């Protein structure tokens, strides 16, 4: 099985092009900065920069809505390949072929982060609080309309 799930921020706006030929295919490429889960004591947070490619409607969606700094989740598969460059040297490639992609934070949280920022967003709404003794959390009135069910 070859399945990858990544969450990270775009390092720049997606690069869009169309294949040549009778049936043109939209192709978008972007790089995700994915924070490593662990860091050594005293070191800065490190990230891996992972090349992604998406086709057709997904590519058009990425071009329209994804921008540098946008936090997204992608699901896809790893694909390896190789080609010979202009100097005659063999170049090996590894990229994620994206099958599904979606936003990983709200537009408001993304704007709080600022374009190209990699810091965590501050909560944009009230946090639930622990109720006394009943084991349930109180849901603030301000977010009731966002819940997928009636409170």
Protein backbone atom coordinates (compact mmCIF):
# COMPACT_ATOMS: atom_id res chain seq x y z
CA UNK A 1 0.00 0.00 0.00
CA UNK A 2 1.28 3.47 -0.88
CA UNK A 3 -0.62 6.16 1.07
CA UNK A 4 0.59 9.48 2.45
CA UNK A 5 -1.17 12.05 4.62
CA UNK A 6 0.60 15.37 5.24
CA UNK A 7 -0.27 18.62 6.96
CA UNK A 8 1.81 21.71 6.37
CA UNK A 9 2.02 25.19 4.93
CA UNK A 10 2.69 26.15 1.34
CA UNK A 11 6.12 27.68 0.89
CA UNK A 12 4.91 29.69 -2.13
CA UNK A 13 1.87 29.95 -4.40
CA UNK A 14 1.17 26.83 -6.48
CA UNK A 15 2.81 26.75 -9.92
CA UNK A 16 0.23 25.97 -12.61
CA UNK A 17 0.65 24.70 -16.16
CA UNK A 18 -1.24 22.67 -18.73
CA UNK A 19 -0.02 19.60 -20.57
CA UNK A 20 0.31 19.82 -24.34
CA UNK A 21 -1.82 17.83 -26.74
CA UNK A 22 -5.46 17.48 -27.63
CA UNK A 23 -6.71 16.76 -24.10
CA UNK A 24 -4.94 19.34 -21.97
CA UNK A 25 -4.51 18.43 -18.32
CA UNK A 26 -4.15 21.03 -15.57
CA UNK A 27 -1.07 20.37 -13.40
CA UNK A 28 -0.27 22.29 -10.21
CA UNK A 29 2.92 21.86 -8.21
CA UNK A 30 3.59 23.16 -4.74
CA UNK A 31 5.90 22.54 -1.82
CA UNK A 32 4.63 21.85 1.69
CA UNK A 33 6.69 22.73 4.75
CA UNK A 34 5.80 19.94 7.17
CA UNK A 35 7.04 20.38 10.74
CA UNK A 36 8.88 17.41 12.16
CA UNK A 37 7.13 15.90 15.12
CA UNK A 38 10.13 15.91 17.42
CA UNK A 39 13.01 18.30 17.88
CA UNK A 40 16.26 17.93 19.77
CA UNK A 41 16.53 19.77 23.05
CA UNK A 42 17.70 23.32 22.42
CA UNK A 43 17.20 23.12 18.64
CA UNK A 44 14.76 25.12 16.55
CA UNK A 45 11.68 23.44 15.06
CA UNK A 46 12.66 21.78 11.79
CA UNK A 47 10.56 21.04 8.76
CA UNK A 48 10.69 18.81 5.72
CA UNK A 49 9.94 20.44 2.37
CA UNK A 50 7.86 18.01 0.35
CA UNK A 51 7.14 18.40 -3.35
CA UNK A 52 3.49 17.80 -4.30
CA UNK A 53 1.74 17.57 -7.66
CA UNK A 54 -2.02 17.59 -8.30
CA UNK A 55 -3.94 17.20 -11.56
CA UNK A 56 -7.16 18.35 -13.25
CA UNK A 57 -9.82 19.96 -11.03
CA UNK A 58 -7.64 19.62 -7.96
CA UNK A 59 -4.93 21.62 -9.73
CA UNK A 60 -7.38 24.35 -10.68
CA UNK A 61 -8.66 24.46 -7.07
CA UNK A 62 -5.10 24.77 -5.74
CA UNK A 63 -4.30 27.60 -8.14
CA UNK A 64 -7.44 29.51 -7.19
CA UNK A 65 -7.52 29.06 -3.40
CA UNK A 66 -4.09 28.06 -2.10
CA UNK A 67 -1.47 30.72 -1.43
CA UNK A 68 1.87 30.97 0.33
CA UNK A 69 1.43 30.25 4.03
CA UNK A 70 -1.91 28.44 3.66
CA UNK A 71 -2.11 25.45 6.00
CA UNK A 72 -3.48 22.41 4.17
CA UNK A 73 -3.84 18.65 4.50
CA UNK A 74 -3.07 16.44 1.52
CA UNK A 75 -3.69 12.77 0.94
CA UNK A 76 -2.02 10.91 -1.85
CA UNK A 77 0.78 8.56 -2.81
CA UNK A 78 4.55 8.79 -3.13
CA UNK A 79 5.86 8.54 -6.65
CA UNK A 80 9.51 8.25 -7.62
CA UNK A 81 11.03 8.86 -11.01
CA UNK A 82 14.14 9.94 -12.82
CA UNK A 83 15.26 11.93 -15.84
CA UNK A 84 18.47 12.96 -17.53
CA UNK A 85 19.26 16.66 -17.17
CA UNK A 86 20.88 18.87 -19.81
CA UNK A 87 24.34 17.94 -18.48
CA UNK A 88 23.64 14.25 -19.10
CA UNK A 89 23.37 13.44 -15.39
CA UNK A 90 20.66 11.17 -13.98
CA UNK A 91 18.35 13.05 -11.55
CA UNK A 92 16.07 11.11 -9.20
CA UNK A 93 12.78 12.59 -8.01
CA UNK A 94 10.34 11.89 -5.21
CA UNK A 95 6.99 13.66 -4.94
CA UNK A 96 3.52 13.20 -3.53
CA UNK A 97 0.78 12.77 -6.14
CA UNK A 98 -2.16 14.44 -4.39
CA UNK A 99 -5.51 12.68 -4.54
CA UNK A 100 -7.32 14.82 -1.93
CA UNK A 101 -6.48 18.23 -0.50
CA UNK A 102 -8.25 20.54 1.91
CA UNK A 103 -7.74 23.50 4.18
CA UNK A 104 -6.39 22.72 7.66
CA UNK A 105 -7.51 25.94 9.32
CA UNK A 106 -10.20 28.56 8.93
CA UNK A 107 -9.70 31.60 6.76
CA UNK A 108 -9.72 33.81 9.88
CA UNK A 109 -6.98 31.76 11.55
CA UNK A 110 -4.96 31.85 8.35
CA UNK A 111 -5.23 35.65 8.20
CA UNK A 112 -4.15 35.90 11.86
CA UNK A 113 -1.01 33.94 10.98
CA UNK A 114 -0.21 36.31 8.16
CA UNK A 115 0.92 35.19 4.73
CA UNK A 116 4.02 33.03 4.86
CA UNK A 117 3.93 32.72 8.65
CA UNK A 118 4.55 29.39 10.30
CA UNK A 119 3.52 30.21 13.86
CA UNK A 120 0.43 28.74 15.53
CA UNK A 121 -2.76 30.77 15.34
CA UNK A 122 -4.36 32.12 18.48
CA UNK A 123 -7.85 30.75 19.10
CA UNK A 124 -10.40 32.85 17.23
CA UNK A 125 -13.34 31.87 19.41
CA UNK A 126 -14.09 31.20 23.08
CA UNK A 127 -12.79 27.91 24.46
CA UNK A 128 -15.20 25.42 26.08
CA UNK A 129 -14.97 25.27 29.87
CA UNK A 130 -15.34 22.30 32.21
CA UNK A 131 -18.74 22.18 33.92
CA UNK A 132 -18.84 21.47 37.63
CA UNK A 133 -19.27 17.77 38.36
CA UNK A 134 -21.34 16.51 35.40
CA UNK A 135 -18.39 15.58 33.15
CA UNK A 136 -19.62 17.67 30.19
CA UNK A 137 -18.06 20.81 28.80
CA UNK A 138 -20.03 24.04 28.46
CA UNK A 139 -20.17 25.31 24.88
CA UNK A 140 -19.95 29.10 24.63
CA UNK A 141 -23.00 30.77 23.06
CA UNK A 142 -20.84 32.55 20.48
CA UNK A 143 -20.16 29.36 18.49
CA UNK A 144 -23.61 27.70 18.61
CA UNK A 145 -24.36 28.52 14.97
CA UNK A 146 -21.18 26.71 13.86
CA UNK A 147 -22.17 23.36 15.37
CA UNK A 148 -23.57 20.72 12.98
CA UNK A 149 -26.38 19.94 15.45
CA UNK A 150 -28.71 21.78 17.85
CA UNK A 151 -27.52 22.35 21.41
